[in-house]
Amino acid sequence: MDILWTLLTLPYAPVRGLTAIVKVVAREAESQQHNPVTVRRELEELDRAAAAGEITPEERDRGQQQVLERLTGPAAGRTPSRRGGSARRPTTDRGGGPRRPRGGPR
């Protein structure tokens, strides 16, 4: 059965290969974007350009803000996992009243 499946899906092999390559490139780009060395280099370049008079201090501040937002913002593409997180339980029951502790008298 595996041989038959391989033969039938053989025309899609280039697509699967291209998809794998795109994933690797995207992962590498994301790691470079969040690499502390790259971030520091960008911030130093902004400071150098401001000191040389190539950009205004306001432009430098905007550039620094963009770099820091890229690091701390949700644009990082990562969502916190539910495992090990501190997901808080609601303090009210479904009817809107205060939640009662489990196992206690009602």
PDB file of N, CA and C in Angstrom:
ATOM      1  N   MET A   1       0.823  -1.187   0.000  1.00  0.00           N
ATOM      2  CA  MET A   1       0.000   0.000   0.000  1.00  0.00           C
ATOM      3  C   MET A   1       0.868   1.251   0.000  1.00  0.00           C
ATOM      4  N   ASP A   2       1.980   1.222   0.742  1.00  0.00           N
ATOM      5  CA  ASP A   2       2.854   2.385   0.791  1.00  0.00           C
ATOM      6  C   ASP A   2       3.469   2.688  -0.570  1.00  0.00           C
ATOM      7  N   ILE A   3       3.819   1.651  -1.298  1.00  0.00           N
ATOM      8  CA  ILE A   3       4.420   1.858  -2.621  1.00  0.00           C
ATOM      9  C   ILE A   3       3.402   2.486  -3.557  1.00  0.00           C
ATOM     10  N   LEU A   4       2.174   2.001  -3.518  1.00  0.00           N
ATOM     11  CA  LEU A   4       1.119   2.566  -4.360  1.00  0.00           C
ATOM     12  C   LEU A   4       0.875   4.026  -4.004  1.00  0.00           C
ATOM     13  N   TRP A   5       0.820   4.324  -2.704  1.00  0.00           N
ATOM     14  CA  TRP A   5       0.599   5.704  -2.264  1.00  0.00           C
ATOM     15  C   TRP A   5       1.752   6.603  -2.711  1.00  0.00           C
ATOM     16  N   THR A   6       2.967   6.106  -2.631  1.00  0.00           N
ATOM     17  CA  THR A   6       4.133   6.877  -3.054  1.00  0.00           C
ATOM     18  C   THR A   6       4.068   7.173  -4.538  1.00  0.00           C
ATOM     19  N   LEU A   7       3.696   6.175  -5.324  1.00  0.00           N
ATOM     20  CA  LEU A   7       3.599   6.386  -6.771  1.00  0.00           C
ATOM     21  C   LEU A   7       2.490   7.362  -7.131  1.00  0.00           C
ATOM     22  N   LEU A   8       1.377   7.280  -6.425  1.00  0.00           N
ATOM     23  CA  LEU A   8       0.258   8.181  -6.735  1.00  0.00           C
ATOM     24  C   LEU A   8       0.550   9.629  -6.332  1.00  0.00           C
ATOM     25  N   THR A   9       1.300   9.816  -5.280  1.00  0.00           N
ATOM     26  CA  THR A   9       1.586  11.180  -4.818  1.00  0.00           C
ATOM     27  C   THR A   9       2.925  11.704  -5.319  1.00  0.00           C
ATOM     28  N   LEU A  10       3.601  10.965  -6.148  1.00  0.00           N
ATOM     29  CA  LEU A  10       4.892  11.389  -6.673  1.00  0.00           C
ATOM     30  C   LEU A  10       4.837  12.737  -7.393  1.00  0.00           C
ATOM     31  N   PRO A  11       3.802  13.037  -8.166  1.00  0.00           N
ATOM     32  CA  PRO A  11       3.768  14.359  -8.818  1.00  0.00           C
ATOM     33  C   PRO A  11       3.741  15.529  -7.825  1.00  0.00           C
ATOM     34  N   TYR A  12       3.345  15.283  -6.592  1.00  0.00           N
ATOM     35  CA  TYR A  12       3.279  16.357  -5.594  1.00  0.00           C
ATOM     36  C   TYR A  12       4.578  16.507  -4.816  1.00  0.00           C
ATOM     37  N   ALA A  13       5.570  15.719  -5.118  1.00  0.00           N
ATOM     38  CA  ALA A  13       6.839  15.770  -4.390  1.00  0.00           C
ATOM     39  C   ALA A  13       7.499  17.151  -4.471  1.00  0.00           C
ATOM     40  N   PRO A  14       7.516  17.809  -5.634  1.00  0.00           N
ATOM     41  CA  PRO A  14       8.124  19.155  -5.668  1.00  0.00           C
ATOM     42  C   PRO A  14       7.393  20.156  -4.762  1.00  0.00           C
ATOM     43  N   VAL A  15       6.096  20.025  -4.676  1.00  0.00           N
ATOM     44  CA  VAL A  15       5.328  20.927  -3.813  1.00  0.00           C
ATOM     45  C   VAL A  15       5.686  20.678  -2.344  1.00  0.00           C
ATOM     46  N   ARG A  16       5.782  19.421  -1.969  1.00  0.00           N
ATOM     47  CA  ARG A  16       6.161  19.101  -0.587  1.00  0.00           C
ATOM     48  C   ARG A  16       7.567  19.592  -0.280  1.00  0.00           C
ATOM     49  N   GLY A  17       8.474  19.448  -1.237  1.00  0.00           N
ATOM     50  CA  GLY A  17       9.835  19.930  -1.045  1.00  0.00           C
ATOM     51  C   GLY A  17       9.900  21.445  -0.920  1.00  0.00           C
ATOM     52  N   LEU A  18       9.147  22.135  -1.767  1.00  0.00           N
ATOM     53  CA  LEU A  18       9.115  23.593  -1.703  1.00  0.00           C
ATOM     54  C   LEU A  18       8.514  24.067  -0.384  1.00  0.00           C
ATOM     55  N   THR A  19       7.488  23.393   0.080  1.00  0.00           N
ATOM     56  CA  THR A  19       6.876  23.740   1.367  1.00  0.00           C
ATOM     57  C   THR A  19       7.880  23.573   2.501  1.00  0.00           C
ATOM     58  N   ALA A  20       8.642  22.513   2.468  1.00  0.00           N
ATOM     59  CA  ALA A  20       9.653  22.292   3.506  1.00  0.00           C
ATOM     60  C   ALA A  20      10.718  23.386   3.467  1.00  0.00           C
ATOM     61  N   ILE A  21      11.131  23.789   2.280  1.00  0.00           N
ATOM     62  CA  ILE A  21      12.143  24.844   2.150  1.00  0.00           C
ATOM     63  C   ILE A  21      11.614  26.173   2.663  1.00  0.00           C
ATOM     64  N   VAL A  22      10.364  26.490   2.334  1.00  0.00           N
ATOM     65  CA  VAL A  22       9.767  27.743   2.799  1.00  0.00           C
ATOM     66  C   VAL A  22       9.688  27.764   4.325  1.00  0.00           C
ATOM     67  N   LYS A  23       9.346  26.648   4.938  1.00  0.00           N
ATOM     68  CA  LYS A  23       9.285  26.584   6.395  1.00  0.00           C
ATOM     69  C   LYS A  23      10.651  26.821   7.021  1.00  0.00           C
ATOM     70  N   VAL A  24      11.687  26.237   6.438  1.00  0.00           N
ATOM     71  CA  VAL A  24      13.039  26.416   6.971  1.00  0.00           C
ATOM     72  C   VAL A  24      13.469  27.877   6.836  1.00  0.00           C
ATOM     73  N   VAL A  25      13.196  28.485   5.683  1.00  0.00           N
ATOM     74  CA  VAL A  25      13.583  29.884   5.473  1.00  0.00           C
ATOM     75  C   VAL A  25      12.820  30.797   6.430  1.00  0.00           C
ATOM     76  N   ALA A  26      11.535  30.556   6.619  1.00  0.00           N
ATOM     77  CA  ALA A  26      10.737  31.375   7.533  1.00  0.00           C
ATOM     78  C   ALA A  26      11.239  31.237   8.967  1.00  0.00           C
ATOM     79  N   ARG A  27      11.570  30.029   9.382  1.00  0.00           N
ATOM     80  CA  ARG A  27      12.087  29.803  10.730  1.00  0.00           C
ATOM     81  C   ARG A  27      13.417  30.529  10.928  1.00  0.00           C
ATOM     82  N   GLU A  28      14.276  30.476   9.928  1.00  0.00           N
ATOM     83  CA  GLU A  28      15.579  31.150  10.023  1.00  0.00           C
ATOM     84  C   GLU A  28      15.401  32.675  10.056  1.00  0.00           C
ATOM     85  N   ALA A  29      14.493  33.191   9.242  1.00  0.00           N
ATOM     86  CA  ALA A  29      14.248  34.638   9.237  1.00  0.00           C
ATOM     87  C   ALA A  29      13.720  35.101  10.588  1.00  0.00           C
ATOM     88  N   GLU A  30      12.836  34.327  11.177  1.00  0.00           N
ATOM     89  CA  GLU A  30      12.298  34.683  12.487  1.00  0.00           C
ATOM     90  C   GLU A  30      13.384  34.641  13.555  1.00  0.00           C
ATOM     91  N   SER A  31      14.246  33.646  13.503  1.00  0.00           N
ATOM     92  CA  SER A  31      15.303  33.568  14.508  1.00  0.00           C
ATOM     93  C   SER A  31      16.288  34.718  14.343  1.00  0.00           C
ATOM     94  N   GLN A  32      16.567  35.124  13.107  1.00  0.00           N
ATOM     95  CA  GLN A  32      17.450  36.266  12.881  1.00  0.00           C
ATOM     96  C   GLN A  32      16.806  37.561  13.357  1.00  0.00           C
ATOM     97  N   GLN A  33      15.515  37.664  13.169  1.00  0.00           N
ATOM     98  CA  GLN A  33      14.797  38.873  13.560  1.00  0.00           C
ATOM     99  C   GLN A  33      14.797  39.034  15.081  1.00  0.00           C
ATOM    100  N   HIS A  34      14.814  37.955  15.824  1.00  0.00           N
ATOM    101  CA  HIS A  34      14.772  38.007  17.275  1.00  0.00           C
ATOM    102  C   HIS A  34      16.134  37.742  17.912  1.00  0.00           C
ATOM    103  N   ASN A  35      17.169  37.650  17.107  1.00  0.00           N
ATOM    104  CA  ASN A  35      18.513  37.405  17.592  1.00  0.00           C
ATOM    105  C   ASN A  35      19.020  38.649  18.318  1.00  0.00           C
ATOM    106  N   PRO A  36      19.487  38.526  19.566  1.00  0.00           N
ATOM    107  CA  PRO A  36      19.957  39.699  20.310  1.00  0.00           C
ATOM    108  C   PRO A  36      21.100  40.443  19.618  1.00  0.00           C
ATOM    109  N   VAL A  37      21.955  39.732  18.920  1.00  0.00           N
ATOM    110  CA  VAL A  37      23.072  40.378  18.223  1.00  0.00           C
ATOM    111  C   VAL A  37      22.541  41.270  17.104  1.00  0.00           C
ATOM    112  N   THR A  38      21.561  40.788  16.361  1.00  0.00           N
ATOM    113  CA  THR A  38      20.974  41.562  15.273  1.00  0.00           C
ATOM    114  C   THR A  38      20.251  42.787  15.819  1.00  0.00           C
ATOM    115  N   VAL A  39      19.520  42.616  16.902  1.00  0.00           N
ATOM    116  CA  VAL A  39      18.788  43.730  17.503  1.00  0.00           C
ATOM    117  C   VAL A  39      19.771  44.795  17.973  1.00  0.00           C
ATOM    118  N   ARG A  40      20.819  44.372  18.646  1.00  0.00           N
ATOM    119  CA  ARG A  40      21.810  45.329  19.130  1.00  0.00           C
ATOM    120  C   ARG A  40      22.463  46.069  17.967  1.00  0.00           C
ATOM    121  N   ARG A  41      22.767  45.342  16.892  1.00  0.00           N
ATOM    122  CA  ARG A  41      23.378  45.957  15.718  1.00  0.00           C
ATOM    123  C   ARG A  41      22.453  47.019  15.122  1.00  0.00           C
ATOM    124  N   GLU A  42      21.155  46.721  15.052  1.00  0.00           N
ATOM    125  CA  GLU A  42      20.196  47.690  14.513  1.00  0.00           C
ATOM    126  C   GLU A  42      20.114  48.932  15.399  1.00  0.00           C
ATOM    127  N   LEU A  43      20.089  48.734  16.713  1.00  0.00           N
ATOM    128  CA  LEU A  43      20.024  49.872  17.632  1.00  0.00           C
ATOM    129  C   LEU A  43      21.297  50.714  17.548  1.00  0.00           C
ATOM    130  N   GLU A  44      22.454  50.075  17.437  1.00  0.00           N
ATOM    131  CA  GLU A  44      23.703  50.815  17.302  1.00  0.00           C
ATOM    132  C   GLU A  44      23.760  51.576  15.986  1.00  0.00           C
ATOM    133  N   GLU A  45      23.219  50.991  14.921  1.00  0.00           N
ATOM    134  CA  GLU A  45      23.177  51.658  13.626  1.00  0.00           C
ATOM    135  C   GLU A  45      22.286  52.905  13.698  1.00  0.00           C
ATOM    136  N   LEU A  46      21.165  52.809  14.412  1.00  0.00           N
ATOM    137  CA  LEU A  46      20.300  53.979  14.588  1.00  0.00           C
ATOM    138  C   LEU A  46      21.027  55.079  15.360  1.00  0.00           C
ATOM    139  N   ASP A  47      21.737  54.705  16.417  1.00  0.00           N
ATOM    140  CA  ASP A  47      22.490  55.693  17.204  1.00  0.00           C
ATOM    141  C   ASP A  47      23.599  56.329  16.370  1.00  0.00           C
ATOM    142  N   ARG A  48      24.287  55.518  15.566  1.00  0.00           N
ATOM    143  CA  ARG A  48      25.362  56.040  14.721  1.00  0.00           C
ATOM    144  C   ARG A  48      24.821  57.022  13.693  1.00  0.00           C
ATOM    145  N   ALA A  49      23.687  56.668  13.076  1.00  0.00           N
ATOM    146  CA  ALA A  49      23.091  57.543  12.071  1.00  0.00           C
ATOM    147  C   ALA A  49      22.609  58.852  12.698  1.00  0.00           C
ATOM    148  N   ALA A  50      22.090  58.796  13.916  1.00  0.00           N
ATOM    149  CA  ALA A  50      21.651  60.016  14.594  1.00  0.00           C
ATOM    150  C   ALA A  50      22.854  60.881  14.967  1.00  0.00           C
ATOM    151  N   ALA A  51      23.935  60.263  15.414  1.00  0.00           N
ATOM    152  CA  ALA A  51      25.135  61.016  15.778  1.00  0.00           C
ATOM    153  C   ALA A  51      25.771  61.665  14.554  1.00  0.00           C
ATOM    154  N   ALA A  52      25.679  61.012  13.401  1.00  0.00           N
ATOM    155  CA  ALA A  52      26.258  61.553  12.167  1.00  0.00           C
ATOM    156  C   ALA A  52      25.345  62.585  11.519  1.00  0.00           C
ATOM    157  N   GLY A  53      24.147  62.740  12.036  1.00  0.00           N
ATOM    158  CA  GLY A  53      23.217  63.717  11.474  1.00  0.00           C
ATOM    159  C   GLY A  53      22.443  63.198  10.269  1.00  0.00           C
ATOM    160  N   GLU A  54      22.499  61.906  10.010  1.00  0.00           N
ATOM    161  CA  GLU A  54      21.778  61.331   8.876  1.00  0.00           C
ATOM    162  C   GLU A  54      20.282  61.241   9.155  1.00  0.00           C
ATOM    163  N   ILE A  55      19.920  61.051  10.417  1.00  0.00           N
ATOM    164  CA  ILE A  55      18.513  61.014  10.807  1.00  0.00           C
ATOM    165  C   ILE A  55      18.322  61.912  12.031  1.00  0.00           C
ATOM    166  N   THR A  56      17.107  62.344  12.245  1.00  0.00           N
ATOM    167  CA  THR A  56      16.819  63.194  13.398  1.00  0.00           C
ATOM    168  C   THR A  56      16.663  62.324  14.643  1.00  0.00           C
ATOM    169  N   PRO A  57      16.770  62.923  15.814  1.00  0.00           N
ATOM    170  CA  PRO A  57      16.549  62.148  17.041  1.00  0.00           C
ATOM    171  C   PRO A  57      15.147  61.535  17.106  1.00  0.00           C
ATOM    172  N   GLU A  58      14.159  62.208  16.536  1.00  0.00           N
ATOM    173  CA  GLU A  58      12.798  61.649  16.510  1.00  0.00           C
ATOM    174  C   GLU A  58      12.738  60.395  15.645  1.00  0.00           C
ATOM    175  N   GLU A  59      13.437  60.433  14.512  1.00  0.00           N
ATOM    176  CA  GLU A  59      13.471  59.248  13.649  1.00  0.00           C
ATOM    177  C   GLU A  59      14.193  58.091  14.343  1.00  0.00           C
ATOM    178  N   ARG A  60      15.253  58.439  15.077  1.00  0.00           N
ATOM    179  CA  ARG A  60      15.970  57.410  15.838  1.00  0.00           C
ATOM    180  C   ARG A  60      15.059  56.784  16.887  1.00  0.00           C
ATOM    181  N   ASP A  61      14.304  57.633  17.598  1.00  0.00           N
ATOM    182  CA  ASP A  61      13.391  57.125  18.623  1.00  0.00           C
ATOM    183  C   ASP A  61      12.319  56.227  18.014  1.00  0.00           C
ATOM    184  N   ARG A  62      11.790  56.635  16.855  1.00  0.00           N
ATOM    185  CA  ARG A  62      10.782  55.789  16.175  1.00  0.00           C
ATOM    186  C   ARG A  62      11.382  54.457  15.755  1.00  0.00           C
ATOM    187  N   GLY A  63      12.604  54.488  15.242  1.00  0.00           N
ATOM    188  CA  GLY A  63      13.278  53.249  14.844  1.00  0.00           C
ATOM    189  C   GLY A  63      13.526  52.338  16.027  1.00  0.00           C
ATOM    190  N   GLN A  64      13.958  52.915  17.147  1.00  0.00           N
ATOM    191  CA  GLN A  64      14.176  52.117  18.342  1.00  0.00           C
ATOM    192  C   GLN A  64      12.863  51.514  18.834  1.00  0.00           C
ATOM    193  N   GLN A  65      11.809  52.304  18.780  1.00  0.00           N
ATOM    194  CA  GLN A  65      10.505  51.800  19.216  1.00  0.00           C
ATOM    195  C   GLN A  65      10.044  50.636  18.336  1.00  0.00           C
ATOM    196  N   GLN A  66      10.276  50.733  17.033  1.00  0.00           N
ATOM    197  CA  GLN A  66       9.887  49.651  16.121  1.00  0.00           C
ATOM    198  C   GLN A  66      10.668  48.374  16.424  1.00  0.00           C
ATOM    199  N   VAL A  67      11.960  48.511  16.700  1.00  0.00           N
ATOM    200  CA  VAL A  67      12.777  47.341  17.019  1.00  0.00           C
ATOM    201  C   VAL A  67      12.288  46.696  18.310  1.00  0.00           C
ATOM    202  N   LEU A  68      12.019  47.503  19.315  1.00  0.00           N
ATOM    203  CA  LEU A  68      11.575  46.963  20.595  1.00  0.00           C
ATOM    204  C   LEU A  68      10.175  46.362  20.501  1.00  0.00           C
ATOM    205  N   GLU A  69       9.292  46.962  19.703  1.00  0.00           N
ATOM    206  CA  GLU A  69       7.949  46.386  19.515  1.00  0.00           C
ATOM    207  C   GLU A  69       8.028  45.039  18.813  1.00  0.00           C
ATOM    208  N   ARG A  70       8.963  44.925  17.895  1.00  0.00           N
ATOM    209  CA  ARG A  70       9.141  43.649  17.194  1.00  0.00           C
ATOM    210  C   ARG A  70       9.541  42.552  18.172  1.00  0.00           C
ATOM    211  N   LEU A  71      10.310  42.918  19.189  1.00  0.00           N
ATOM    212  CA  LEU A  71      10.743  41.934  20.177  1.00  0.00           C
ATOM    213  C   LEU A  71       9.653  41.592  21.175  1.00  0.00           C
ATOM    214  N   THR A  72       8.896  42.602  21.604  1.00  0.00           N
ATOM    215  CA  THR A  72       7.951  42.391  22.698  1.00  0.00           C
ATOM    216  C   THR A  72       6.514  42.232  22.245  1.00  0.00           C
ATOM    217  N   GLY A  73       6.193  42.615  21.031  1.00  0.00           N
ATOM    218  CA  GLY A  73       4.813  42.590  20.570  1.00  0.00           C
ATOM    219  C   GLY A  73       4.342  41.219  20.158  1.00  0.00           C
ATOM    220  N   PRO A  74       3.023  41.097  19.920  1.00  0.00           N
ATOM    221  CA  PRO A  74       2.468  39.817  19.483  1.00  0.00           C
ATOM    222  C   PRO A  74       2.870  39.462  18.063  1.00  0.00           C
ATOM    223  N   ALA A  75       3.519  40.363  17.370  1.00  0.00           N
ATOM    224  CA  ALA A  75       3.957  40.075  16.012  1.00  0.00           C
ATOM    225  C   ALA A  75       5.019  38.988  15.995  1.00  0.00           C
ATOM    226  N   ALA A  76       5.497  38.614  17.129  1.00  0.00           N
ATOM    227  CA  ALA A  76       6.442  37.534  17.206  1.00  0.00           C
ATOM    228  C   ALA A  76       5.890  36.241  16.718  1.00  0.00           C
ATOM    229  N   GLY A  77       4.535  36.140  16.616  1.00  0.00           N
ATOM    230  CA  GLY A  77       3.933  34.950  16.100  1.00  0.00           C
ATOM    231  C   GLY A  77       3.822  33.822  17.054  1.00  0.00           C
ATOM    232  N   ARG A  78       4.169  34.040  18.261  1.00  0.00           N
ATOM    233  CA  ARG A  78       4.124  32.999  19.284  1.00  0.00           C
ATOM    234  C   ARG A  78       2.935  33.264  20.184  1.00  0.00           C
ATOM    235  N   THR A  79       2.190  32.217  20.457  1.00  0.00           N
ATOM    236  CA  THR A  79       1.098  32.325  21.410  1.00  0.00           C
ATOM    237  C   THR A  79       1.470  31.502  22.621  1.00  0.00           C
ATOM    238  N   PRO A  80       1.146  31.999  23.803  1.00  0.00           N
ATOM    239  CA  PRO A  80       1.502  31.227  24.984  1.00  0.00           C
ATOM    240  C   PRO A  80       0.771  29.905  25.009  1.00  0.00           C
ATOM    241  N   SER A  81       1.487  28.881  25.409  1.00  0.00           N
ATOM    242  CA  SER A  81       0.863  27.567  25.469  1.00  0.00           C
ATOM    243  C   SER A  81       0.015  27.461  26.712  1.00  0.00           C
ATOM    244  N   ARG A  82      -0.953  26.592  26.690  1.00  0.00           N
ATOM    245  CA  ARG A  82      -1.829  26.424  27.840  1.00  0.00           C
ATOM    246  C   ARG A  82      -1.153  25.587  28.909  1.00  0.00           C
ATOM    247  N   ARG A  83      -0.196  24.760  28.504  1.00  0.00           N
ATOM    248  CA  ARG A  83       0.509  23.935  29.477  1.00  0.00           C
ATOM    249  C   ARG A  83       1.464  24.799  30.276  1.00  0.00           C
ATOM    250  N   GLY A  84       1.373  24.697  31.579  1.00  0.00           N
ATOM    251  CA  GLY A  84       2.305  25.411  32.429  1.00  0.00           C
ATOM    252  C   GLY A  84       2.006  26.888  32.551  1.00  0.00           C
ATOM    253  N   GLY A  85       0.998  27.377  31.839  1.00  0.00           N
ATOM    254  CA  GLY A  85       0.657  28.782  31.908  1.00  0.00           C
ATOM    255  C   GLY A  85      -0.153  29.086  33.141  1.00  0.00           C
ATOM    256  N   SER A  86      -0.392  30.332  33.349  1.00  0.00           N
ATOM    257  CA  SER A  86      -1.175  30.724  34.508  1.00  0.00           C
ATOM    258  C   SER A  86      -2.558  31.150  34.052  1.00  0.00           C
ATOM    259  N   ALA A  87      -3.259  30.240  33.417  1.00  0.00           N
ATOM    260  CA  ALA A  87      -4.605  30.538  32.970  1.00  0.00           C
ATOM    261  C   ALA A  87      -5.492  30.714  34.189  1.00  0.00           C
ATOM    262  N   ARG A  88      -6.137  31.855  34.258  1.00  0.00           N
ATOM    263  CA  ARG A  88      -6.960  32.153  35.420  1.00  0.00           C
ATOM    264  C   ARG A  88      -8.370  31.667  35.190  1.00  0.00           C
ATOM    265  N   ARG A  89      -8.954  31.150  36.220  1.00  0.00           N
ATOM    266  CA  ARG A  89     -10.330  30.689  36.161  1.00  0.00           C
ATOM    267  C   ARG A  89     -11.234  31.866  36.464  1.00  0.00           C
ATOM    268  N   PRO A  90     -12.409  31.888  35.906  1.00  0.00           N
ATOM    269  CA  PRO A  90     -13.327  32.993  36.193  1.00  0.00           C
ATOM    270  C   PRO A  90     -13.734  32.980  37.662  1.00  0.00           C
ATOM    271  N   THR A  91     -13.995  34.173  38.196  1.00  0.00           N
ATOM    272  CA  THR A  91     -14.373  34.276  39.606  1.00  0.00           C
ATOM    273  C   THR A  91     -15.891  34.261  39.775  1.00  0.00           C
ATOM    274  N   THR A  92     -16.607  34.077  38.675  1.00  0.00           N
ATOM    275  CA  THR A  92     -18.060  33.981  38.756  1.00  0.00           C
ATOM    276  C   THR A  92     -18.505  32.706  38.085  1.00  0.00           C
ATOM    277  N   ASP A  93     -19.699  32.222  38.484  1.00  0.00           N
ATOM    278  CA  ASP A  93     -20.230  31.048  37.808  1.00  0.00           C
ATOM    279  C   ASP A  93     -20.933  31.497  36.531  1.00  0.00           C
ATOM    280  N   ARG A  94     -21.493  30.580  35.788  1.00  0.00           N
ATOM    281  CA  ARG A  94     -22.122  30.926  34.514  1.00  0.00           C
ATOM    282  C   ARG A  94     -23.328  31.841  34.680  1.00  0.00           C
ATOM    283  N   GLY A  95     -23.945  31.809  35.833  1.00  0.00           N
ATOM    284  CA  GLY A  95     -25.107  32.659  36.067  1.00  0.00           C
ATOM    285  C   GLY A  95     -24.730  34.070  36.474  1.00  0.00           C
ATOM    286  N   GLY A  96     -23.476  34.361  36.652  1.00  0.00           N
ATOM    287  CA  GLY A  96     -23.034  35.689  37.001  1.00  0.00           C
ATOM    288  C   GLY A  96     -22.781  35.866  38.487  1.00  0.00           C
ATOM    289  N   GLY A  97     -23.142  34.875  39.293  1.00  0.00           N
ATOM    290  CA  GLY A  97     -22.934  34.976  40.730  1.00  0.00           C
ATOM    291  C   GLY A  97     -21.536  34.541  41.108  1.00  0.00           C
ATOM    292  N   PRO A  98     -21.151  34.738  42.363  1.00  0.00           N
ATOM    293  CA  PRO A  98     -19.808  34.315  42.775  1.00  0.00           C
ATOM    294  C   PRO A  98     -19.653  32.805  42.706  1.00  0.00           C
ATOM    295  N   ARG A  99     -18.480  32.379  42.322  1.00  0.00           N
ATOM    296  CA  ARG A  99     -18.213  30.952  42.188  1.00  0.00           C
ATOM    297  C   ARG A  99     -18.038  30.336  43.567  1.00  0.00           C
ATOM    298  N   ARG A 100     -18.651  29.184  43.777  1.00  0.00           N
ATOM    299  CA  ARG A 100     -18.536  28.475  45.054  1.00  0.00           C
ATOM    300  C   ARG A 100     -17.388  27.485  44.987  1.00  0.00           C
ATOM    301  N   PRO A 101     -16.679  27.289  46.077  1.00  0.00           N
ATOM    302  CA  PRO A 101     -15.615  26.293  46.070  1.00  0.00           C
ATOM    303  C   PRO A 101     -16.190  24.897  45.899  1.00  0.00           C
ATOM    304  N   ARG A 102     -15.414  24.042  45.275  1.00  0.00           N
ATOM    305  CA  ARG A 102     -15.865  22.661  45.048  1.00  0.00           C
ATOM    306  C   ARG A 102     -15.947  21.907  46.360  1.00  0.00           C
ATOM    307  N   GLY A 103     -16.969  21.064  46.445  1.00  0.00           N
ATOM    308  CA  GLY A 103     -17.086  20.168  47.582  1.00  0.00           C
ATOM    309  C   GLY A 103     -17.662  20.824  48.824  1.00  0.00           C
ATOM    310  N   GLY A 104     -17.893  22.118  48.790  1.00  0.00           N
ATOM    311  CA  GLY A 104     -18.443  22.795  49.957  1.00  0.00           C
ATOM    312  C   GLY A 104     -19.958  22.726  49.982  1.00  0.00           C
ATOM    313  N   PRO A 105     -20.573  23.138  51.062  1.00  0.00           N
ATOM    314  CA  PRO A 105     -22.036  23.133  51.144  1.00  0.00           C
ATOM    315  C   PRO A 105     -22.636  24.162  50.209  1.00  0.00           C
ATOM    316  N   ARG A 106     -23.796  23.841  49.724  1.00  0.00           N
ATOM    317  CA  ARG A 106     -24.450  24.779  48.795  1.00  0.00           C
ATOM    318  C   ARG A 106     -25.555  25.483  49.442  1.00  0.00           C
TER     319      ARG A 106
END
